[in-house]
């Protein structure tokens, strides 16, 4: 059995092994918190040795930063694709929220990694703040480019921050309530977004 596991590890491509480590880490970070998650436990959950884990990630902080980058890029990609589709603004917003929550359905621990402060400080906190600013900036640009919306400049950034943080909070809530259908969560998000943007554009 041990020999078979060893051969399986050897057959994996470097990128696939790295993905296994990241997936195992995301689950342990989500369930145990950053402080309580140990690299030895992450290695065991990924089916690799701790020494092999260190070949991919030099520290727990580096591993968490890699997770943040992976899920940030995945989500921002969904947002950009959804809003670029040729359709009405409301239809595009619906499609974008479908993609947003589909991502969390496919990556059930991503919400905790992205939106729950791990208390790690340093580079992790800085990257979380940078991710929030990037998402907020993208949302601002999308609203400014929408001809049917006319949100006051002084209202735009705080409104987008509110909607960004609300989207993260709903994703965290849904992770704890997976029995709620995705369609219901999407409807809740779209209702708030449309209502807020329409009111701000009066």
C-alpha atoms as a PDB file:
ATOM      1  CA  UNK A   1       0.000   0.000   0.000  1.00  0.00           C
ATOM      2  CA  UNK A   2       2.769   2.433   0.952  1.00  0.00           C
ATOM      3  CA  UNK A   3       4.647   1.574  -2.230  1.00  0.00           C
ATOM      4  CA  UNK A   4       1.530   2.181  -4.330  1.00  0.00           C
ATOM      5  CA  UNK A   5       1.006   5.574  -2.681  1.00  0.00           C
ATOM      6  CA  UNK A   6       4.635   6.419  -3.316  1.00  0.00           C
ATOM      7  CA  UNK A   7       4.279   5.534  -7.018  1.00  0.00           C
ATOM      8  CA  UNK A   8       1.099   7.631  -7.254  1.00  0.00           C
ATOM      9  CA  UNK A   9       2.922  10.610  -5.758  1.00  0.00           C
ATOM     10  CA  UNK A  10       5.768  10.114  -8.226  1.00  0.00           C
ATOM     11  CA  UNK A  11       3.371   9.988 -11.203  1.00  0.00           C
ATOM     12  CA  UNK A  12       1.693  13.280 -10.322  1.00  0.00           C
ATOM     13  CA  UNK A  13       2.789  16.348 -12.225  1.00  0.00           C
ATOM     14  CA  UNK A  14       4.218  19.131 -10.094  1.00  0.00           C
ATOM     15  CA  UNK A  15       1.189  21.339 -10.736  1.00  0.00           C
ATOM     16  CA  UNK A  16      -1.214  18.533  -9.760  1.00  0.00           C
ATOM     17  CA  UNK A  17       0.666  17.817  -6.542  1.00  0.00           C
ATOM     18  CA  UNK A  18       0.692  21.506  -5.704  1.00  0.00           C
ATOM     19  CA  UNK A  19      -3.064  21.605  -6.285  1.00  0.00           C
ATOM     20  CA  UNK A  20      -3.562  18.642  -3.917  1.00  0.00           C
ATOM     21  CA  UNK A  21      -1.607  20.443  -1.217  1.00  0.00           C
ATOM     22  CA  UNK A  22      -3.578  23.656  -1.726  1.00  0.00           C
ATOM     23  CA  UNK A  23      -6.911  21.812  -1.575  1.00  0.00           C
ATOM     24  CA  UNK A  24      -5.951  20.035   1.634  1.00  0.00           C
ATOM     25  CA  UNK A  25      -4.706  23.296   3.135  1.00  0.00           C
ATOM     26  CA  UNK A  26      -7.893  25.171   2.232  1.00  0.00           C
ATOM     27  CA  UNK A  27     -10.013  22.590   4.035  1.00  0.00           C
ATOM     28  CA  UNK A  28      -7.868  22.634   7.173  1.00  0.00           C
ATOM     29  CA  UNK A  29      -7.629  26.427   7.210  1.00  0.00           C
ATOM     30  CA  UNK A  30     -11.409  26.665   6.829  1.00  0.00           C
ATOM     31  CA  UNK A  31     -12.163  24.138   9.576  1.00  0.00           C
ATOM     32  CA  UNK A  32      -9.353  24.732  12.068  1.00  0.00           C
ATOM     33  CA  UNK A  33      -8.295  28.318  11.406  1.00  0.00           C
ATOM     34  CA  UNK A  34      -4.906  29.554  10.270  1.00  0.00           C
ATOM     35  CA  UNK A  35      -3.257  29.363  13.676  1.00  0.00           C
ATOM     36  CA  UNK A  36      -4.334  25.801  14.463  1.00  0.00           C
ATOM     37  CA  UNK A  37      -3.595  24.341  11.018  1.00  0.00           C
ATOM     38  CA  UNK A  38      -0.226  22.584  11.016  1.00  0.00           C
ATOM     39  CA  UNK A  39       1.908  21.922   7.962  1.00  0.00           C
ATOM     40  CA  UNK A  40       2.375  18.302   9.024  1.00  0.00           C
ATOM     41  CA  UNK A  41      -1.414  17.855   9.069  1.00  0.00           C
ATOM     42  CA  UNK A  42      -1.739  19.525   5.681  1.00  0.00           C
ATOM     43  CA  UNK A  43       0.940  17.259   4.223  1.00  0.00           C
ATOM     44  CA  UNK A  44      -0.772  14.171   5.641  1.00  0.00           C
ATOM     45  CA  UNK A  45      -4.162  15.247   4.281  1.00  0.00           C
ATOM     46  CA  UNK A  46      -2.599  15.823   0.844  1.00  0.00           C
ATOM     47  CA  UNK A  47      -0.859  12.428   0.936  1.00  0.00           C
ATOM     48  CA  UNK A  48       2.646  13.886   0.748  1.00  0.00           C
ATOM     49  CA  UNK A  49       5.542  14.153   3.150  1.00  0.00           C
ATOM     50  CA  UNK A  50       6.243  17.378   4.978  1.00  0.00           C
ATOM     51  CA  UNK A  51       9.568  17.573   3.132  1.00  0.00           C
ATOM     52  CA  UNK A  52       7.754  17.382  -0.199  1.00  0.00           C
ATOM     53  CA  UNK A  53       5.329  20.089   0.897  1.00  0.00           C
ATOM     54  CA  UNK A  54       8.295  22.354   1.644  1.00  0.00           C
ATOM     55  CA  UNK A  55       9.506  21.876  -1.935  1.00  0.00           C
ATOM     56  CA  UNK A  56       6.349  23.679  -3.060  1.00  0.00           C
ATOM     57  CA  UNK A  57       5.760  26.112  -0.184  1.00  0.00           C
ATOM     58  CA  UNK A  58       8.449  27.440   2.094  1.00  0.00           C
ATOM     59  CA  UNK A  59       6.070  28.288   4.942  1.00  0.00           C
ATOM     60  CA  UNK A  60       2.439  28.231   6.062  1.00  0.00           C
ATOM     61  CA  UNK A  61       2.169  31.902   5.175  1.00  0.00           C
ATOM     62  CA  UNK A  62       3.423  31.248   1.646  1.00  0.00           C
ATOM     63  CA  UNK A  63       0.854  28.478   1.254  1.00  0.00           C
ATOM     64  CA  UNK A  64      -1.964  30.764   2.406  1.00  0.00           C
ATOM     65  CA  UNK A  65      -0.813  33.509   0.036  1.00  0.00           C
ATOM     66  CA  UNK A  66      -0.909  31.013  -2.844  1.00  0.00           C
ATOM     67  CA  UNK A  67      -4.486  30.075  -1.931  1.00  0.00           C
ATOM     68  CA  UNK A  68      -5.502  33.734  -1.796  1.00  0.00           C
ATOM     69  CA  UNK A  69      -4.031  34.370  -5.247  1.00  0.00           C
ATOM     70  CA  UNK A  70      -5.636  31.267  -6.750  1.00  0.00           C
ATOM     71  CA  UNK A  71      -9.146  32.029  -5.525  1.00  0.00           C
ATOM     72  CA  UNK A  72      -8.839  35.765  -6.190  1.00  0.00           C
ATOM     73  CA  UNK A  73      -7.930  35.126  -9.818  1.00  0.00           C
ATOM     74  CA  UNK A  74     -10.666  32.512 -10.197  1.00  0.00           C
ATOM     75  CA  UNK A  75     -13.371  34.805  -8.866  1.00  0.00           C
ATOM     76  CA  UNK A  76     -12.261  37.940 -10.679  1.00  0.00           C
ATOM     77  CA  UNK A  77     -12.202  35.936 -13.894  1.00  0.00           C
ATOM     78  CA  UNK A  78     -15.817  34.883 -13.347  1.00  0.00           C
ATOM     79  CA  UNK A  79     -16.818  38.501 -12.653  1.00  0.00           C
ATOM     80  CA  UNK A  80     -15.111  39.819 -15.772  1.00  0.00           C
ATOM     81  CA  UNK A  81     -16.536  37.133 -18.076  1.00  0.00           C
ATOM     82  CA  UNK A  82     -20.054  37.478 -16.677  1.00  0.00           C
ATOM     83  CA  UNK A  83     -20.210  41.243 -17.076  1.00  0.00           C
ATOM     84  CA  UNK A  84     -18.694  41.189 -20.587  1.00  0.00           C
ATOM     85  CA  UNK A  85     -21.499  39.070 -22.095  1.00  0.00           C
ATOM     86  CA  UNK A  86     -23.823  40.789 -24.597  1.00  0.00           C
ATOM     87  CA  UNK A  87     -27.092  41.169 -22.689  1.00  0.00           C
ATOM     88  CA  UNK A  88     -28.992  43.677 -20.592  1.00  0.00           C
ATOM     89  CA  UNK A  89     -27.345  44.846 -17.386  1.00  0.00           C
ATOM     90  CA  UNK A  90     -29.755  42.848 -15.221  1.00  0.00           C
ATOM     91  CA  UNK A  91     -29.180  39.693 -17.281  1.00  0.00           C
ATOM     92  CA  UNK A  92     -25.422  40.112 -17.088  1.00  0.00           C
ATOM     93  CA  UNK A  93     -25.611  40.700 -13.359  1.00  0.00           C
ATOM     94  CA  UNK A  94     -27.676  37.524 -12.987  1.00  0.00           C
ATOM     95  CA  UNK A  95     -25.118  35.554 -15.023  1.00  0.00           C
ATOM     96  CA  UNK A  96     -22.250  37.055 -13.050  1.00  0.00           C
ATOM     97  CA  UNK A  97     -23.785  36.092  -9.706  1.00  0.00           C
ATOM     98  CA  UNK A  98     -24.427  32.594 -11.068  1.00  0.00           C
ATOM     99  CA  UNK A  99     -20.732  32.341 -11.865  1.00  0.00           C
ATOM    100  CA  UNK A 100     -19.719  33.853  -8.499  1.00  0.00           C
ATOM    101  CA  UNK A 101     -21.670  31.350  -6.420  1.00  0.00           C
ATOM    102  CA  UNK A 102     -20.915  28.459  -8.764  1.00  0.00           C
ATOM    103  CA  UNK A 103     -17.254  29.092  -7.970  1.00  0.00           C
ATOM    104  CA  UNK A 104     -17.921  28.703  -4.250  1.00  0.00           C
ATOM    105  CA  UNK A 105     -19.948  25.579  -4.918  1.00  0.00           C
ATOM    106  CA  UNK A 106     -17.003  24.111  -6.830  1.00  0.00           C
ATOM    107  CA  UNK A 107     -14.509  25.345  -4.197  1.00  0.00           C
ATOM    108  CA  UNK A 108     -16.374  24.983  -0.881  1.00  0.00           C
ATOM    109  CA  UNK A 109     -13.521  26.308   1.275  1.00  0.00           C
ATOM    110  CA  UNK A 110     -12.710  29.340  -0.877  1.00  0.00           C
ATOM    111  CA  UNK A 111     -15.061  31.702   0.982  1.00  0.00           C
ATOM    112  CA  UNK A 112     -13.312  31.099   4.307  1.00  0.00           C
ATOM    113  CA  UNK A 113      -9.896  31.654   2.725  1.00  0.00           C
ATOM    114  CA  UNK A 114     -10.933  34.851   0.942  1.00  0.00           C
ATOM    115  CA  UNK A 115     -13.310  36.510   3.384  1.00  0.00           C
ATOM    116  CA  UNK A 116     -12.475  35.332   6.892  1.00  0.00           C
ATOM    117  CA  UNK A 117      -9.548  37.139   8.500  1.00  0.00           C
ATOM    118  CA  UNK A 118      -7.119  34.358   9.471  1.00  0.00           C
ATOM    119  CA  UNK A 119      -5.295  36.522  11.992  1.00  0.00           C
ATOM    120  CA  UNK A 120      -1.999  35.815  10.239  1.00  0.00           C
ATOM    121  CA  UNK A 121      -0.971  39.460   9.914  1.00  0.00           C
ATOM    122  CA  UNK A 122       1.910  40.628   7.739  1.00  0.00           C
ATOM    123  CA  UNK A 123       1.780  39.702   4.061  1.00  0.00           C
ATOM    124  CA  UNK A 124      -1.475  37.776   4.421  1.00  0.00           C
ATOM    125  CA  UNK A 125      -3.353  40.782   5.814  1.00  0.00           C
ATOM    126  CA  UNK A 126      -1.776  43.033   3.185  1.00  0.00           C
ATOM    127  CA  UNK A 127      -2.852  40.687   0.390  1.00  0.00           C
ATOM    128  CA  UNK A 128      -6.388  40.405   1.765  1.00  0.00           C
ATOM    129  CA  UNK A 129      -6.650  44.197   1.744  1.00  0.00           C
ATOM    130  CA  UNK A 130      -5.192  44.331  -1.759  1.00  0.00           C
ATOM    131  CA  UNK A 131      -7.696  41.717  -2.968  1.00  0.00           C
ATOM    132  CA  UNK A 132     -10.574  43.717  -1.510  1.00  0.00           C
ATOM    133  CA  UNK A 133      -9.327  46.870  -3.203  1.00  0.00           C
ATOM    134  CA  UNK A 134      -8.947  45.064  -6.545  1.00  0.00           C
ATOM    135  CA  UNK A 135     -12.490  43.661  -6.374  1.00  0.00           C
ATOM    136  CA  UNK A 136     -13.887  47.038  -5.359  1.00  0.00           C
ATOM    137  CA  UNK A 137     -12.024  48.746  -8.204  1.00  0.00           C
ATOM    138  CA  UNK A 138     -13.354  46.251 -10.746  1.00  0.00           C
ATOM    139  CA  UNK A 139     -16.912  46.776  -9.510  1.00  0.00           C
ATOM    140  CA  UNK A 140     -16.506  50.557  -9.728  1.00  0.00           C
ATOM    141  CA  UNK A 141     -15.203  50.293 -13.302  1.00  0.00           C
ATOM    142  CA  UNK A 142     -18.102  48.044 -14.336  1.00  0.00           C
ATOM    143  CA  UNK A 143     -20.692  50.422 -12.893  1.00  0.00           C
ATOM    144  CA  UNK A 144     -19.061  53.467 -14.503  1.00  0.00           C
ATOM    145  CA  UNK A 145     -19.085  51.690 -17.876  1.00  0.00           C
ATOM    146  CA  UNK A 146     -22.801  50.853 -17.628  1.00  0.00           C
ATOM    147  CA  UNK A 147     -24.870  53.415 -19.615  1.00  0.00           C
ATOM    148  CA  UNK A 148     -28.069  52.690 -17.674  1.00  0.00           C
ATOM    149  CA  UNK A 149     -26.469  53.556 -14.326  1.00  0.00           C
ATOM    150  CA  UNK A 150     -25.547  57.007 -13.066  1.00  0.00           C
ATOM    151  CA  UNK A 151     -24.225  56.669  -9.520  1.00  0.00           C
ATOM    152  CA  UNK A 152     -22.793  59.810  -7.903  1.00  0.00           C
ATOM    153  CA  UNK A 153     -19.012  59.755  -7.631  1.00  0.00           C
ATOM    154  CA  UNK A 154     -19.001  60.348  -3.883  1.00  0.00           C
ATOM    155  CA  UNK A 155     -21.427  57.452  -3.375  1.00  0.00           C
ATOM    156  CA  UNK A 156     -19.853  54.959  -5.748  1.00  0.00           C
ATOM    157  CA  UNK A 157     -16.865  53.700  -3.744  1.00  0.00           C
ATOM    158  CA  UNK A 158     -18.649  53.238  -0.383  1.00  0.00           C
ATOM    159  CA  UNK A 159     -21.559  51.567  -2.174  1.00  0.00           C
ATOM    160  CA  UNK A 160     -19.249  49.149  -3.983  1.00  0.00           C
ATOM    161  CA  UNK A 161     -17.430  48.368  -0.728  1.00  0.00           C
ATOM    162  CA  UNK A 162     -20.766  47.615   0.919  1.00  0.00           C
ATOM    163  CA  UNK A 163     -21.823  45.334  -1.930  1.00  0.00           C
ATOM    164  CA  UNK A 164     -18.405  43.649  -2.069  1.00  0.00           C
ATOM    165  CA  UNK A 165     -18.383  42.869   1.646  1.00  0.00           C
ATOM    166  CA  UNK A 166     -22.029  41.771   1.500  1.00  0.00           C
ATOM    167  CA  UNK A 167     -21.175  39.328  -1.302  1.00  0.00           C
ATOM    168  CA  UNK A 168     -18.339  37.891   0.765  1.00  0.00           C
ATOM    169  CA  UNK A 169     -20.531  37.635   3.838  1.00  0.00           C
ATOM    170  CA  UNK A 170     -23.244  35.809   1.894  1.00  0.00           C
ATOM    171  CA  UNK A 171     -20.660  33.380   0.490  1.00  0.00           C
ATOM    172  CA  UNK A 172     -19.463  32.641   4.046  1.00  0.00           C
ATOM    173  CA  UNK A 173     -23.036  32.137   5.240  1.00  0.00           C
ATOM    174  CA  UNK A 174     -23.790  29.799   2.337  1.00  0.00           C
ATOM    175  CA  UNK A 175     -20.718  27.703   3.147  1.00  0.00           C
ATOM    176  CA  UNK A 176     -22.365  27.000   6.528  1.00  0.00           C
ATOM    177  CA  UNK A 177     -25.804  26.434   4.938  1.00  0.00           C
ATOM    178  CA  UNK A 178     -25.116  24.272   1.852  1.00  0.00           C
ATOM    179  CA  UNK A 179     -28.694  22.966   1.933  1.00  0.00           C
ATOM    180  CA  UNK A 180     -29.871  26.320   0.553  1.00  0.00           C
ATOM    181  CA  UNK A 181     -30.149  26.045  -3.256  1.00  0.00           C
ATOM    182  CA  UNK A 182     -27.722  28.147  -5.250  1.00  0.00           C
ATOM    183  CA  UNK A 183     -30.621  29.742  -7.121  1.00  0.00           C
ATOM    184  CA  UNK A 184     -31.968  31.182  -3.859  1.00  0.00           C
ATOM    185  CA  UNK A 185     -28.593  32.634  -2.885  1.00  0.00           C
ATOM    186  CA  UNK A 186     -28.156  34.125  -6.365  1.00  0.00           C
ATOM    187  CA  UNK A 187     -31.636  35.657  -6.214  1.00  0.00           C
ATOM    188  CA  UNK A 188     -30.869  37.248  -2.840  1.00  0.00           C
ATOM    189  CA  UNK A 189     -27.633  38.761  -4.159  1.00  0.00           C
ATOM    190  CA  UNK A 190     -29.170  40.046  -7.395  1.00  0.00           C
ATOM    191  CA  UNK A 191     -32.122  41.576  -5.510  1.00  0.00           C
ATOM    192  CA  UNK A 192     -29.796  43.598  -3.280  1.00  0.00           C
ATOM    193  CA  UNK A 193     -27.482  44.599  -6.124  1.00  0.00           C
ATOM    194  CA  UNK A 194     -30.227  45.715  -8.501  1.00  0.00           C
ATOM    195  CA  UNK A 195     -32.123  47.539  -5.756  1.00  0.00           C
ATOM    196  CA  UNK A 196     -29.054  49.337  -4.467  1.00  0.00           C
ATOM    197  CA  UNK A 197     -27.788  50.377  -7.890  1.00  0.00           C
ATOM    198  CA  UNK A 198     -31.181  51.519  -9.124  1.00  0.00           C
ATOM    199  CA  UNK A 199     -31.782  53.606  -6.030  1.00  0.00           C
ATOM    200  CA  UNK A 200     -28.295  55.135  -6.256  1.00  0.00           C
ATOM    201  CA  UNK A 201     -28.909  56.029  -9.922  1.00  0.00           C
ATOM    202  CA  UNK A 202     -32.076  58.067  -9.306  1.00  0.00           C
END
